[in-house]
Amino acid sequence: HQYVKTQNLIITNNDIKDLEFGSFKPNSFMYLDPPYDETFNSYSKVKFDREYQVALADKVDSLNCNWLMTNSGTDWIRERYKEYQIIELSALRTVSSKLSARKKASDVIIKNYDT
């Protein structure tokens, strides 16, 4: 696991099930960039499947600080985070090194705060 900590910043790359979110203070801000639902989810030995998506969603539900997350705009993600603000994005994905292989994808930004 990778972990960088300075006085005001923590960057970590850990299994979501091992992360402890309870230590974040109300004035903290958390940016989450998990492997996306249904795509880009096989970066490691363990595939970030729906079980991991549910574990992440359960953890962010308990956060007492502001957070922002990016994910794919699947119906499942939209339904799971419907009580939060969801901002729709359209992105281009390059499937190979050929620009002609680009295809449109639906991404979302999800956040639990106003502004």
N, C-alpha and C. Protein backbone atom coordinates (compact mmCIF):
# COMPACT_ATOMS: atom_id res chain seq x y z
N HIS A 1 0.84 -1.19 0.00
CA HIS A 1 0.00 0.00 0.00
C HIS A 1 0.88 1.24 0.00
N GLN A 2 0.42 2.24 -0.73
CA GLN A 2 1.17 3.48 -0.79
C GLN A 2 0.51 4.50 0.12
N TYR A 3 1.33 5.31 0.77
CA TYR A 3 0.81 6.27 1.73
C TYR A 3 1.77 7.45 1.80
N VAL A 4 1.24 8.64 1.58
CA VAL A 4 2.02 9.87 1.70
C VAL A 4 1.28 10.77 2.67
N LYS A 5 1.99 11.32 3.63
CA LYS A 5 1.34 12.21 4.59
C LYS A 5 2.22 13.44 4.82
N THR A 6 1.58 14.60 4.74
CA THR A 6 2.23 15.85 5.12
C THR A 6 1.39 16.45 6.23
N GLN A 7 1.69 17.67 6.60
CA GLN A 7 0.95 18.30 7.69
C GLN A 7 -0.55 18.38 7.40
N ASN A 8 -0.91 18.70 6.14
CA ASN A 8 -2.32 18.93 5.82
C ASN A 8 -2.87 18.03 4.71
N LEU A 9 -2.12 17.04 4.28
CA LEU A 9 -2.53 16.23 3.14
C LEU A 9 -2.16 14.77 3.37
N ILE A 10 -3.10 13.88 3.04
CA ILE A 10 -2.83 12.46 3.07
C ILE A 10 -3.24 11.89 1.72
N ILE A 11 -2.34 11.20 1.06
CA ILE A 11 -2.64 10.51 -0.19
C ILE A 11 -2.39 9.03 0.07
N THR A 12 -3.39 8.23 -0.23
CA THR A 12 -3.24 6.80 0.02
C THR A 12 -3.78 5.98 -1.14
N ASN A 13 -3.24 4.82 -1.28
CA ASN A 13 -3.69 3.88 -2.30
C ASN A 13 -3.81 2.53 -1.61
N ASN A 14 -4.95 2.30 -0.98
CA ASN A 14 -5.17 1.09 -0.20
C ASN A 14 -6.45 0.40 -0.61
N ASP A 15 -6.60 -0.81 -0.15
CA ASP A 15 -7.85 -1.53 -0.32
C ASP A 15 -8.93 -0.76 0.45
N ILE A 16 -10.04 -0.48 -0.19
CA ILE A 16 -11.11 0.31 0.44
C ILE A 16 -11.58 -0.31 1.74
N LYS A 17 -11.54 -1.62 1.82
CA LYS A 17 -12.00 -2.29 3.03
C LYS A 17 -11.06 -2.07 4.21
N ASP A 18 -9.82 -1.66 3.92
CA ASP A 18 -8.84 -1.41 4.98
C ASP A 18 -8.80 0.04 5.43
N LEU A 19 -9.42 0.94 4.69
CA LEU A 19 -9.36 2.35 5.02
C LEU A 19 -10.29 2.69 6.18
N GLU A 20 -9.80 3.50 7.07
CA GLU A 20 -10.59 3.98 8.20
C GLU A 20 -10.94 5.44 7.95
N PHE A 21 -12.20 5.71 7.67
CA PHE A 21 -12.63 7.07 7.37
C PHE A 21 -13.04 7.84 8.62
N GLY A 22 -13.15 7.19 9.75
CA GLY A 22 -13.64 7.84 10.95
C GLY A 22 -12.74 8.90 11.52
N SER A 23 -11.49 8.95 11.10
CA SER A 23 -10.55 9.91 11.67
C SER A 23 -10.58 11.27 10.99
N PHE A 24 -11.42 11.44 9.96
CA PHE A 24 -11.47 12.72 9.27
C PHE A 24 -12.32 13.71 10.04
N LYS A 25 -11.80 14.91 10.18
CA LYS A 25 -12.48 15.97 10.92
C LYS A 25 -13.51 16.66 10.02
N PRO A 26 -14.52 17.31 10.60
CA PRO A 26 -15.56 17.97 9.80
C PRO A 26 -15.02 18.99 8.80
N ASN A 27 -13.89 19.61 9.07
CA ASN A 27 -13.34 20.60 8.13
C ASN A 27 -12.40 19.96 7.10
N SER A 28 -12.35 18.63 7.08
CA SER A 28 -11.54 17.92 6.09
C SER A 28 -12.26 17.86 4.76
N PHE A 29 -11.51 17.60 3.72
CA PHE A 29 -12.06 17.37 2.39
C PHE A 29 -11.43 16.10 1.84
N MET A 30 -12.25 15.23 1.26
CA MET A 30 -11.74 13.99 0.70
C MET A 30 -12.12 13.91 -0.77
N TYR A 31 -11.12 13.65 -1.61
CA TYR A 31 -11.36 13.37 -3.02
C TYR A 31 -11.16 11.88 -3.23
N LEU A 32 -12.16 11.23 -3.82
CA LEU A 32 -12.12 9.78 -4.04
C LEU A 32 -12.13 9.52 -5.54
N ASP A 33 -11.20 8.71 -5.98
CA ASP A 33 -11.09 8.34 -7.39
C ASP A 33 -10.98 6.83 -7.49
N PRO A 34 -12.08 6.13 -7.18
CA PRO A 34 -12.03 4.67 -7.20
C PRO A 34 -12.02 4.14 -8.63
N PRO A 35 -11.66 2.88 -8.81
CA PRO A 35 -11.88 2.26 -10.12
C PRO A 35 -13.36 2.39 -10.47
N TYR A 36 -13.63 2.68 -11.71
CA TYR A 36 -15.01 2.96 -12.11
C TYR A 36 -15.87 1.71 -12.15
N ASP A 37 -17.15 1.91 -11.88
CA ASP A 37 -18.13 0.84 -11.95
C ASP A 37 -18.20 0.30 -13.38
N GLU A 38 -18.05 -0.97 -13.54
CA GLU A 38 -18.15 -1.71 -14.80
C GLU A 38 -17.01 -1.47 -15.77
N THR A 39 -16.19 -0.46 -15.59
CA THR A 39 -15.05 -0.22 -16.48
C THR A 39 -13.86 0.23 -15.65
N PHE A 40 -12.68 0.09 -16.18
CA PHE A 40 -11.46 0.54 -15.51
C PHE A 40 -11.42 0.05 -14.06
N ASN A 41 -11.73 -1.21 -13.84
CA ASN A 41 -11.80 -1.71 -12.47
C ASN A 41 -10.89 -2.90 -12.21
N SER A 42 -9.95 -3.15 -13.09
CA SER A 42 -9.06 -4.31 -12.94
C SER A 42 -7.59 -3.88 -12.87
N TYR A 43 -7.30 -2.91 -12.01
CA TYR A 43 -5.95 -2.39 -11.91
C TYR A 43 -5.03 -3.27 -11.06
N SER A 44 -5.58 -4.15 -10.29
CA SER A 44 -4.77 -4.94 -9.38
C SER A 44 -5.22 -6.40 -9.40
N LYS A 45 -4.65 -7.19 -8.51
CA LYS A 45 -5.02 -8.60 -8.43
C LYS A 45 -6.50 -8.78 -8.12
N VAL A 46 -7.05 -7.86 -7.34
CA VAL A 46 -8.46 -7.94 -6.95
C VAL A 46 -9.27 -6.95 -7.80
N LYS A 47 -10.26 -7.46 -8.51
CA LYS A 47 -11.11 -6.60 -9.33
C LYS A 47 -12.02 -5.78 -8.43
N PHE A 48 -12.13 -4.49 -8.69
CA PHE A 48 -12.97 -3.58 -7.91
C PHE A 48 -14.40 -3.74 -8.43
N ASP A 49 -15.07 -4.78 -7.96
CA ASP A 49 -16.40 -5.11 -8.44
C ASP A 49 -17.47 -4.43 -7.59
N ARG A 50 -18.72 -4.83 -7.77
CA ARG A 50 -19.82 -4.20 -7.03
C ARG A 50 -19.66 -4.37 -5.51
N GLU A 51 -19.09 -5.47 -5.08
CA GLU A 51 -18.86 -5.65 -3.64
C GLU A 51 -17.98 -4.52 -3.10
N TYR A 52 -16.96 -4.16 -3.86
CA TYR A 52 -16.09 -3.05 -3.44
C TYR A 52 -16.81 -1.72 -3.59
N GLN A 53 -17.63 -1.56 -4.63
CA GLN A 53 -18.39 -0.32 -4.79
C GLN A 53 -19.33 -0.13 -3.60
N VAL A 54 -19.96 -1.20 -3.14
CA VAL A 54 -20.86 -1.12 -1.98
C VAL A 54 -20.06 -0.76 -0.73
N ALA A 55 -18.89 -1.36 -0.55
CA ALA A 55 -18.05 -1.05 0.62
C ALA A 55 -17.65 0.42 0.61
N LEU A 56 -17.31 0.95 -0.56
CA LEU A 56 -16.97 2.37 -0.67
C LEU A 56 -18.18 3.23 -0.35
N ALA A 57 -19.32 2.91 -0.92
CA ALA A 57 -20.53 3.70 -0.69
C ALA A 57 -20.90 3.71 0.79
N ASP A 58 -20.79 2.59 1.45
CA ASP A 58 -21.08 2.52 2.88
C ASP A 58 -20.14 3.40 3.69
N LYS A 59 -18.88 3.43 3.28
CA LYS A 59 -17.91 4.25 4.01
C LYS A 59 -18.16 5.74 3.80
N VAL A 60 -18.45 6.16 2.57
CA VAL A 60 -18.67 7.59 2.35
C VAL A 60 -19.97 8.06 3.00
N ASP A 61 -20.94 7.16 3.13
CA ASP A 61 -22.18 7.51 3.83
C ASP A 61 -21.91 7.91 5.28
N SER A 62 -20.86 7.38 5.86
CA SER A 62 -20.56 7.65 7.27
C SER A 62 -19.56 8.79 7.46
N LEU A 63 -19.08 9.38 6.38
CA LEU A 63 -18.11 10.48 6.53
C LEU A 63 -18.78 11.72 7.10
N ASN A 64 -18.06 12.41 7.96
CA ASN A 64 -18.57 13.66 8.53
C ASN A 64 -17.84 14.87 7.94
N CYS A 65 -17.23 14.69 6.78
CA CYS A 65 -16.55 15.79 6.10
C CYS A 65 -17.05 15.88 4.66
N ASN A 66 -16.68 16.94 3.98
CA ASN A 66 -17.03 17.10 2.58
C ASN A 66 -16.20 16.14 1.73
N TRP A 67 -16.85 15.54 0.73
CA TRP A 67 -16.13 14.66 -0.17
C TRP A 67 -16.66 14.81 -1.59
N LEU A 68 -15.81 14.47 -2.53
CA LEU A 68 -16.13 14.51 -3.95
C LEU A 68 -15.55 13.25 -4.57
N MET A 69 -16.32 12.61 -5.43
CA MET A 69 -15.89 11.36 -6.05
C MET A 69 -16.18 11.40 -7.55
N THR A 70 -15.32 10.77 -8.32
CA THR A 70 -15.60 10.55 -9.73
C THR A 70 -15.89 9.07 -9.93
N ASN A 71 -16.75 8.77 -10.89
CA ASN A 71 -17.07 7.38 -11.19
C ASN A 71 -17.74 7.33 -12.56
N SER A 72 -18.01 6.15 -13.04
CA SER A 72 -18.73 6.05 -14.32
C SER A 72 -20.21 6.33 -14.07
N GLY A 73 -20.87 6.81 -15.09
CA GLY A 73 -22.27 7.18 -14.95
C GLY A 73 -23.22 6.03 -15.22
N THR A 74 -23.01 4.91 -14.56
CA THR A 74 -23.91 3.78 -14.74
C THR A 74 -25.20 4.02 -13.96
N ASP A 75 -26.25 3.33 -14.34
CA ASP A 75 -27.52 3.44 -13.62
C ASP A 75 -27.34 3.03 -12.16
N TRP A 76 -26.52 2.01 -11.92
CA TRP A 76 -26.30 1.53 -10.56
C TRP A 76 -25.65 2.62 -9.70
N ILE A 77 -24.65 3.30 -10.22
CA ILE A 77 -23.98 4.39 -9.48
C ILE A 77 -24.96 5.53 -9.25
N ARG A 78 -25.71 5.91 -10.26
CA ARG A 78 -26.68 7.00 -10.09
C ARG A 78 -27.72 6.67 -9.02
N GLU A 79 -28.19 5.44 -9.01
CA GLU A 79 -29.17 5.02 -8.01
C GLU A 79 -28.56 4.98 -6.62
N ARG A 80 -27.37 4.45 -6.50
CA ARG A 80 -26.73 4.30 -5.18
C ARG A 80 -26.45 5.66 -4.54
N TYR A 81 -26.10 6.65 -5.33
CA TYR A 81 -25.72 7.96 -4.80
C TYR A 81 -26.77 9.03 -5.07
N LYS A 82 -28.03 8.62 -5.27
CA LYS A 82 -29.07 9.57 -5.66
C LYS A 82 -29.34 10.64 -4.61
N GLU A 83 -28.99 10.41 -3.35
CA GLU A 83 -29.24 11.42 -2.32
C GLU A 83 -28.15 12.49 -2.29
N TYR A 84 -27.13 12.33 -3.11
CA TYR A 84 -26.05 13.31 -3.20
C TYR A 84 -26.16 14.08 -4.50
N GLN A 85 -25.37 15.13 -4.64
CA GLN A 85 -25.35 15.89 -5.89
C GLN A 85 -24.57 15.10 -6.93
N ILE A 86 -25.16 14.93 -8.09
CA ILE A 86 -24.51 14.21 -9.18
C ILE A 86 -24.41 15.16 -10.38
N ILE A 87 -23.20 15.33 -10.85
CA ILE A 87 -22.93 16.18 -12.01
C ILE A 87 -22.54 15.26 -13.15
N GLU A 88 -23.27 15.36 -14.25
CA GLU A 88 -23.03 14.49 -15.41
C GLU A 88 -21.88 15.04 -16.25
N LEU A 89 -21.03 14.14 -16.73
CA LEU A 89 -19.92 14.50 -17.61
C LEU A 89 -19.94 13.58 -18.82
N SER A 90 -19.48 14.10 -19.93
CA SER A 90 -19.28 13.28 -21.11
C SER A 90 -17.79 13.24 -21.36
N ALA A 91 -17.24 12.05 -21.52
CA ALA A 91 -15.80 11.91 -21.69
C ALA A 91 -15.52 11.06 -22.93
N LEU A 92 -14.34 11.22 -23.47
CA LEU A 92 -13.89 10.38 -24.56
C LEU A 92 -12.90 9.36 -24.02
N ARG A 93 -13.08 8.12 -24.38
CA ARG A 93 -12.17 7.05 -23.97
C ARG A 93 -11.39 6.58 -25.19
N THR A 94 -10.11 6.43 -25.03
CA THR A 94 -9.28 5.87 -26.07
C THR A 94 -9.06 4.41 -25.75
N VAL A 95 -9.61 3.55 -26.57
CA VAL A 95 -9.53 2.12 -26.34
C VAL A 95 -8.16 1.59 -26.75
N SER A 96 -7.55 2.22 -27.74
CA SER A 96 -6.21 1.86 -28.17
C SER A 96 -5.46 3.15 -28.44
N SER A 97 -4.29 3.03 -28.97
CA SER A 97 -3.51 4.25 -29.24
C SER A 97 -4.05 5.01 -30.45
N LYS A 98 -4.99 4.44 -31.17
CA LYS A 98 -5.56 5.10 -32.35
C LYS A 98 -6.66 6.06 -31.94
N LEU A 99 -6.54 7.29 -32.38
CA LEU A 99 -7.57 8.28 -32.06
C LEU A 99 -8.93 7.87 -32.62
N SER A 100 -8.94 7.14 -33.70
CA SER A 100 -10.20 6.72 -34.29
C SER A 100 -10.93 5.71 -33.42
N ALA A 101 -10.25 5.16 -32.43
CA ALA A 101 -10.86 4.17 -31.54
C ALA A 101 -11.52 4.81 -30.33
N ARG A 102 -11.60 6.12 -30.31
CA ARG A 102 -12.22 6.80 -29.18
C ARG A 102 -13.73 6.58 -29.19
N LYS A 103 -14.29 6.47 -27.98
CA LYS A 103 -15.73 6.37 -27.86
C LYS A 103 -16.19 7.20 -26.68
N LYS A 104 -17.43 7.67 -26.76
CA LYS A 104 -17.98 8.49 -25.69
C LYS A 104 -18.33 7.63 -24.48
N ALA A 105 -18.11 8.21 -23.31
CA ALA A 105 -18.46 7.53 -22.06
C ALA A 105 -19.17 8.52 -21.16
N SER A 106 -20.01 8.01 -20.32
CA SER A 106 -20.73 8.84 -19.35
C SER A 106 -20.05 8.70 -18.00
N ASP A 107 -19.56 9.80 -17.48
CA ASP A 107 -18.94 9.84 -16.16
C ASP A 107 -19.75 10.75 -15.26
N VAL A 108 -19.53 10.63 -13.96
CA VAL A 108 -20.21 11.50 -13.01
C VAL A 108 -19.24 11.99 -11.95
N ILE A 109 -19.55 13.16 -11.44
CA ILE A 109 -18.92 13.68 -10.24
C ILE A 109 -20.01 13.65 -9.18
N ILE A 110 -19.70 13.07 -8.05
CA ILE A 110 -20.67 12.95 -6.95
C ILE A 110 -20.08 13.70 -5.77
N LYS A 111 -20.92 14.49 -5.09
CA LYS A 111 -20.43 15.21 -3.93
C LYS A 111 -21.52 15.34 -2.88
N ASN A 112 -21.10 15.52 -1.66
CA ASN A 112 -22.05 15.57 -0.55
C ASN A 112 -22.20 16.98 0.01
N TYR A 113 -21.85 18.00 -0.74
CA TYR A 113 -21.90 19.37 -0.25
C TYR A 113 -22.40 20.30 -1.34
N ASP A 114 -22.88 21.46 -0.94
CA ASP A 114 -23.33 22.49 -1.89
C ASP A 114 -22.18 23.41 -2.21
N THR A 115 -22.27 24.07 -3.33
CA THR A 115 -21.35 25.06 -3.87
C THR A 115 -20.64 24.55 -5.07
